[in-house]
Amino acid sequence: MPHATARDGIKLHYEATGSGTPLIFVHEFSGDARSWESQLRFFARRYRCIVFNARGYPPSDVPRARSKYSWRIAVDDVADVLRHLRIRKAHVVGCSMGAYTALQFGLRYPAMALSVTALAAGAGSDPGTRKSFLQATEAHAQLFETAGTHAALRQRGLSPGRIPLMLKDPRGFAEFRRVHEGHSGTGLAGVLRGVQAKRPPVYALERGLRAYRPPLLVVCGDEDDGSIGPALFIKRVCKNARLWMCPATGHTVNTEEPDQFNRNLLDFLTLVDSGRWKSRDPRSIARSR
């Protein structure tokens, strides 16, 4: 089973398929590398596609020490996987937790990012609900730690952003649940405490986003209430960003509407690869609202 070794010795399971320009996918909290299967089957015909399981998600290592989990480490892990594969530059696509990692990758490793796609970024960013988000994050971490993943998910219930997938695609939703329930409770608790609770809100990234170098595609479903505000904010402050909002769709557009997501992502990557990606023309910005 192939793995890359992160700079602190943690082993990260990865898969690579296809050939061409490198394209790496970074998964969400509730998923893993398998969450990108619809994208691998589509993009591997054109790109060299890489997926990996974040630390804490078997068969990657599951460290017990809290110091082994942080949003900065998560960003460095992406760079370490690429360096292990001797890839100097890649398109980076992330979902939810992975979208935040992808955004930060563009800030911290701009020379390695051909482009960045951030899907469903921004959970916990709303100042009005930040305190309750942090309280819930710690409560969920304790639950995963003590009850185990399967029991914890039964007690935690279903988040609103997953309802559209459940209604549209019961088989896809059942697969999502199977993947999530198979995760390590220790790993999920470590990720919740070290990554989710400690990362700065998206709204705190304004200075970096205004100077953002890589081409940036922001994606969210219009029924994913927690991601709409951050998506609009990123589009407003980042001149290199384009925004695609998928109608009647919840949190994970890539699994809920894979065909629409793949086509929009392909259009974006094609513009970048052909040198036709352009920053926003200042003349298009309304001076009064």
Protein backbone atom coordinates (compact mmCIF):
# COMPACT_ATOMS: atom_id res chain seq x y z
CA MET A 1 0.00 0.00 0.00
CA PRO A 2 1.75 3.22 -1.13
CA HIS A 3 2.41 5.91 1.43
CA ALA A 4 4.26 9.19 1.71
CA THR A 5 6.13 10.09 4.89
CA ALA A 6 5.36 13.54 6.27
CA ARG A 7 8.15 15.67 7.67
CA ASP A 8 7.31 14.55 11.22
CA GLY A 9 7.37 10.86 10.31
CA ILE A 10 3.61 10.26 9.95
CA LYS A 11 2.75 7.94 7.05
CA LEU A 12 0.05 9.14 4.65
CA HIS A 13 -1.68 6.63 2.41
CA TYR A 14 -2.14 7.87 -1.16
CA GLU A 15 -3.25 6.69 -4.59
CA ALA A 16 -2.20 8.07 -7.96
CA THR A 17 -3.82 7.37 -11.30
CA GLY A 18 -3.75 8.79 -14.81
CA SER A 19 -1.11 10.90 -16.50
CA GLY A 20 -0.63 14.53 -17.39
CA THR A 21 -0.69 17.69 -15.31
CA PRO A 22 -0.88 16.80 -11.59
CA LEU A 23 -4.20 17.30 -9.79
CA ILE A 24 -4.43 16.56 -6.05
CA PHE A 25 -7.67 16.21 -4.08
CA VAL A 26 -7.96 16.95 -0.33
CA HIS A 27 -10.92 15.35 1.44
CA GLU A 28 -13.46 16.62 3.96
CA PHE A 29 -13.73 15.76 7.67
CA SER A 30 -16.45 13.14 7.17
CA GLY A 31 -14.86 11.53 4.11
CA ASP A 32 -11.52 10.25 2.91
CA ALA A 33 -9.82 9.53 -0.40
CA ARG A 34 -12.84 7.48 -1.50
CA SER A 35 -14.98 10.63 -1.50
CA TRP A 36 -13.28 11.65 -4.76
CA GLU A 37 -14.02 8.49 -6.73
CA SER A 38 -16.34 10.26 -9.22
CA GLN A 39 -13.62 12.83 -9.83
CA LEU A 40 -10.86 10.24 -10.26
CA ARG A 41 -12.83 8.35 -12.90
CA PHE A 42 -13.44 11.58 -14.82
CA PHE A 43 -10.18 13.50 -14.46
CA ALA A 44 -7.72 10.60 -14.66
CA ARG A 45 -8.47 10.51 -18.39
CA ARG A 46 -6.80 13.92 -18.66
CA TYR A 47 -4.70 14.50 -15.52
CA ARG A 48 -2.36 12.74 -13.14
CA CYS A 49 -4.73 12.49 -10.16
CA ILE A 50 -3.62 12.05 -6.55
CA VAL A 51 -5.78 11.38 -3.51
CA PHE A 52 -4.63 10.69 0.02
CA ASN A 53 -6.03 10.06 3.47
CA ALA A 54 -5.23 12.79 5.94
CA ARG A 55 -3.45 11.86 9.16
CA GLY A 56 -5.97 10.34 11.54
CA TYR A 57 -7.75 8.48 8.73
CA PRO A 58 -6.65 4.83 8.31
CA PRO A 59 -4.79 3.42 6.50
CA SER A 60 -2.81 6.62 7.10
CA ASP A 61 -1.28 6.80 10.57
CA VAL A 62 -3.50 7.78 13.50
CA PRO A 63 -1.29 9.58 16.02
CA ARG A 64 -2.61 9.95 19.56
CA ALA A 65 -0.68 13.09 20.49
CA ARG A 66 -2.69 16.27 20.02
CA SER A 67 0.46 18.04 18.88
CA LYS A 68 0.37 15.92 15.70
CA TYR A 69 -2.80 17.63 14.46
CA SER A 70 -3.14 21.23 13.28
CA TRP A 71 -4.34 23.12 10.24
CA ARG A 72 -0.74 24.10 9.47
CA ILE A 73 0.34 20.46 9.59
CA ALA A 74 -2.56 19.56 7.28
CA VAL A 75 -1.27 22.09 4.73
CA ASP A 76 2.28 20.79 5.04
CA ASP A 77 1.02 17.23 4.51
CA VAL A 78 -0.28 18.18 1.05
CA ALA A 79 3.15 19.57 0.17
CA ASP A 80 4.84 16.43 1.54
CA VAL A 81 2.68 14.11 -0.57
CA LEU A 82 3.51 16.13 -3.68
CA ARG A 83 7.22 16.18 -2.86
CA HIS A 84 7.20 12.43 -2.26
CA LEU A 85 5.85 12.05 -5.79
CA ARG A 86 8.44 14.54 -7.08
CA ILE A 87 5.72 16.93 -8.21
CA ARG A 88 6.77 20.57 -8.23
CA LYS A 89 3.36 22.06 -9.08
CA ALA A 90 -0.22 20.80 -9.05
CA HIS A 91 -3.81 21.89 -9.20
CA VAL A 92 -5.21 21.58 -5.66
CA VAL A 93 -8.88 20.75 -5.02
CA GLY A 94 -10.32 20.56 -1.51
CA CYS A 95 -13.74 19.96 0.04
CA SER A 96 -14.89 21.46 3.35
CA MET A 97 -12.03 20.81 5.80
CA GLY A 98 -9.94 20.06 2.72
CA ALA A 99 -11.11 23.31 1.11
CA TYR A 100 -9.66 25.29 4.01
CA THR A 101 -6.43 23.33 3.65
CA ALA A 102 -6.40 24.06 -0.09
CA LEU A 103 -6.98 27.78 0.51
CA GLN A 104 -4.12 27.90 2.99
CA PHE A 105 -1.93 25.88 0.62
CA GLY A 106 -2.35 28.66 -1.93
CA LEU A 107 -1.25 31.18 0.70
CA ARG A 108 1.69 29.20 2.13
CA TYR A 109 2.89 27.37 -1.01
CA PRO A 110 1.82 29.59 -3.92
CA ALA A 111 4.69 28.43 -6.13
CA MET A 112 3.43 24.84 -5.88
CA ALA A 113 -0.21 25.66 -6.71
CA LEU A 114 -1.14 25.81 -10.37
CA SER A 115 -4.64 26.62 -9.12
CA VAL A 116 -6.83 26.12 -6.06
CA THR A 117 -10.44 24.97 -5.90
CA ALA A 118 -12.21 25.46 -2.56
CA LEU A 119 -15.51 23.60 -2.23
CA ALA A 120 -17.73 24.21 0.82
CA ALA A 121 -15.17 26.16 2.83
CA GLY A 122 -15.91 28.17 5.93
CA ALA A 123 -17.57 26.10 8.68
CA GLY A 124 -17.19 27.90 12.00
CA SER A 125 -16.39 31.25 10.40
CA ASP A 126 -19.60 33.10 11.33
CA PRO A 127 -18.77 35.41 14.28
CA GLY A 128 -22.31 35.10 15.59
CA THR A 129 -22.09 31.33 15.98
CA ARG A 130 -18.34 30.93 16.50
CA LYS A 131 -18.61 30.23 20.23
CA SER A 132 -21.27 27.54 19.80
CA PHE A 133 -19.25 26.01 16.95
CA LEU A 134 -16.22 25.65 19.20
CA GLN A 135 -18.30 24.20 22.02
CA ALA A 136 -19.90 21.67 19.69
CA THR A 137 -16.52 20.76 18.21
CA GLU A 138 -15.10 19.87 21.63
CA ALA A 139 -18.26 17.97 22.59
CA HIS A 140 -18.07 15.94 19.39
CA ALA A 141 -14.37 15.25 19.93
CA GLN A 142 -15.13 13.86 23.39
CA LEU A 143 -17.96 11.76 21.95
CA PHE A 144 -15.77 10.24 19.22
CA GLU A 145 -13.07 9.57 21.80
CA THR A 146 -15.29 7.84 24.35
CA ALA A 147 -18.11 6.23 22.36
CA GLY A 148 -16.36 5.37 19.10
CA THR A 149 -17.25 6.60 15.64
CA HIS A 150 -20.35 4.51 14.96
CA ALA A 151 -22.08 5.31 18.24
CA ALA A 152 -20.96 8.95 18.14
CA LEU A 153 -22.50 9.50 14.72
CA ARG A 154 -25.79 7.98 15.86
CA GLN A 155 -25.89 10.36 18.82
CA ARG A 156 -24.68 13.39 16.90
CA GLY A 157 -27.37 13.15 14.24
CA LEU A 158 -27.40 14.44 10.67
CA SER A 159 -26.25 17.93 9.76
CA PRO A 160 -28.60 20.03 7.59
CA GLY A 161 -26.07 20.21 4.75
CA ARG A 162 -26.33 16.44 4.22
CA ILE A 163 -30.11 16.36 3.80
CA PRO A 164 -30.11 17.18 0.04
CA LEU A 165 -27.77 14.24 -0.68
CA MET A 166 -29.94 11.90 1.39
CA LEU A 167 -33.06 12.97 -0.52
CA LYS A 168 -31.51 12.92 -4.00
CA ASP A 169 -29.28 9.89 -3.79
CA PRO A 170 -30.05 7.38 -1.00
CA ARG A 171 -27.39 4.97 -2.28
CA GLY A 172 -24.77 7.69 -2.36
CA PHE A 173 -25.81 8.81 1.11
CA ALA A 174 -25.57 5.27 2.45
CA GLU A 175 -22.04 5.02 1.03
CA PHE A 176 -21.12 8.32 2.67
CA ARG A 177 -22.35 6.99 6.03
CA ARG A 178 -20.43 3.73 5.65
CA VAL A 179 -17.20 5.62 4.98
CA HIS A 180 -17.74 8.02 7.89
CA GLU A 181 -18.69 5.27 10.35
CA GLY A 182 -15.51 3.37 9.49
CA HIS A 183 -13.19 6.15 10.63
CA SER A 184 -11.05 6.12 13.75
CA GLY A 185 -12.64 7.85 16.74
CA THR A 186 -9.17 8.77 17.98
CA GLY A 187 -8.28 10.28 14.61
CA LEU A 188 -11.52 12.25 14.31
CA ALA A 189 -11.13 13.64 17.83
CA GLY A 190 -7.58 14.72 17.02
CA VAL A 191 -8.69 16.43 13.81
CA LEU A 192 -11.59 18.20 15.52
CA ARG A 193 -9.40 19.60 18.26
CA GLY A 194 -6.26 20.33 16.29
CA VAL A 195 -7.59 21.35 12.88
CA GLN A 196 -11.25 22.34 13.02
CA ALA A 197 -11.21 24.20 16.34
CA LYS A 198 -7.85 25.94 15.89
CA ARG A 199 -7.97 27.21 12.33
CA PRO A 200 -8.65 30.94 11.84
CA PRO A 201 -12.09 31.76 10.38
CA VAL A 202 -12.22 32.42 6.64
CA TYR A 203 -13.10 36.06 7.38
CA ALA A 204 -9.72 36.45 9.10
CA LEU A 205 -7.91 35.65 5.84
CA GLU A 206 -8.87 38.88 4.05
CA ARG A 207 -5.35 40.31 3.80
CA GLY A 208 -3.97 37.10 2.30
CA LEU A 209 -6.92 36.65 -0.04
CA ARG A 210 -6.53 40.18 -1.42
CA ALA A 211 -2.99 39.25 -2.50
CA TYR A 212 -3.80 35.66 -3.46
CA ARG A 213 -1.62 34.46 -6.31
CA PRO A 214 -3.04 31.17 -7.63
CA PRO A 215 -6.19 31.12 -9.77
CA LEU A 216 -9.02 30.30 -7.37
CA LEU A 217 -12.38 28.62 -7.98
CA VAL A 218 -14.85 28.83 -5.10
CA VAL A 219 -17.71 26.33 -5.09
CA CYS A 220 -20.69 25.87 -2.80
CA GLY A 221 -24.19 24.46 -2.87
CA ASP A 222 -27.01 26.99 -2.45
CA GLU A 223 -28.49 24.85 0.35
CA ASP A 224 -25.23 24.72 2.31
CA ASP A 225 -26.01 27.69 4.55
CA GLY A 226 -22.70 27.66 6.42
CA SER A 227 -20.63 27.98 3.23
CA ILE A 228 -22.54 30.63 1.28
CA GLY A 229 -21.36 33.62 3.34
CA PRO A 230 -17.68 32.62 3.26
CA ALA A 231 -17.92 31.86 -0.48
CA LEU A 232 -19.31 35.32 -1.23
CA PHE A 233 -16.68 36.89 1.02
CA ILE A 234 -13.81 35.14 -0.78
CA LYS A 235 -15.19 36.16 -4.16
CA ARG A 236 -15.57 39.76 -3.02
CA VAL A 237 -12.04 40.23 -1.65
CA CYS A 238 -10.00 38.02 -4.00
CA LYS A 239 -9.53 39.37 -7.50
CA ASN A 240 -8.36 35.95 -8.72
CA ALA A 241 -11.50 34.14 -7.54
CA ARG A 242 -14.47 32.92 -9.48
CA LEU A 243 -17.58 31.60 -7.78
CA TRP A 244 -19.84 28.77 -8.88
CA MET A 245 -22.93 28.08 -6.77
CA CYS A 246 -24.69 24.81 -7.53
CA PRO A 247 -28.50 25.06 -7.23
CA ALA A 248 -30.60 22.85 -4.94
CA THR A 249 -27.43 21.29 -3.51
CA GLY A 250 -26.00 20.82 -0.03
CA HIS A 251 -22.53 20.52 1.44
CA THR A 252 -20.57 18.19 -0.86
CA VAL A 253 -21.27 19.21 -4.44
CA ASN A 254 -18.68 16.76 -5.77
CA THR A 255 -20.64 13.74 -4.48
CA GLU A 256 -24.14 15.18 -4.71
CA GLU A 257 -23.87 16.57 -8.25
CA PRO A 258 -20.67 14.96 -9.59
CA ASP A 259 -21.37 15.60 -13.28
CA GLN A 260 -22.00 19.34 -12.77
CA PHE A 261 -19.01 19.65 -10.47
CA ASN A 262 -16.68 17.81 -12.84
CA ARG A 263 -17.69 19.90 -15.84
CA ASN A 264 -17.33 23.21 -14.02
CA LEU A 265 -13.99 22.17 -12.55
CA LEU A 266 -12.79 21.01 -15.97
CA ASP A 267 -13.74 24.36 -17.52
CA PHE A 268 -11.75 26.14 -14.80
CA LEU A 269 -8.68 23.90 -15.14
CA THR A 270 -8.78 24.22 -18.94
CA LEU A 271 -8.70 28.01 -18.71
CA VAL A 272 -5.76 27.87 -16.32
CA ASP A 273 -3.82 25.26 -18.31
CA SER A 274 -4.31 27.18 -21.56
CA GLY A 275 -3.12 30.46 -20.05
CA ARG A 276 -6.53 32.06 -20.50
CA TRP A 277 -7.33 32.58 -16.83
CA LYS A 278 -7.61 36.29 -16.06
CA SER A 279 -8.01 38.24 -12.84
CA ARG A 280 -11.15 40.27 -12.47
CA ASP A 281 -11.19 43.49 -14.46
CA PRO A 282 -11.47 46.38 -11.96
CA ARG A 283 -13.98 48.08 -14.27
CA SER A 284 -16.50 45.32 -13.50
CA ILE A 285 -16.60 46.18 -9.80
CA ALA A 286 -19.56 48.35 -8.80
CA ARG A 287 -18.43 51.28 -6.71
CA SER A 288 -21.79 51.73 -4.96
CA ARG A 289 -24.07 49.04 -3.60
